[in-house]
């Protein structure tokens, strides 16, 4: 990403909407993600076990949900921005064979001495279930160089 693509603090106001980022929750994606972060709980990739445990199907784990938020934020702010805080709360399972999308909106902008802090409400949703995850993020954005 070039400097021209980096978001500056001056480009953001309360109400700024972050472009959503979506992924298909395929079984392959869930298996690869579970292996990558060493989450070998079978309910995340073994359909028979997930169903035997009373779940509808296999589902995304916490690290995948966090990663989806991180990708959305990084694509929006560019390489010069920094994620300072990221918290999430799960409201429903995100099952395989759904499209999961991350969203965000700026709720507070605070200028500092060397950069600005931007607080966002963030959430994830699926077409079938609506909002499944909610959270809050704080990112640091550089001031525009003159």
Foldseek 3Di string as FASTA:
>chain_A
DDPVQADALVNDDAFDKQDKDKDAQALVVQVVVCVVVVVVPCLQRPQVVVVVVPHPGHFHDPVVVQVNVVVSVCNRRDDQKFWDDKDKDFADTHHHRWMKMKIKGWHDWAADDFWIKTKIWMFMQTPVGGTGMIIMTIMTGGHDDD
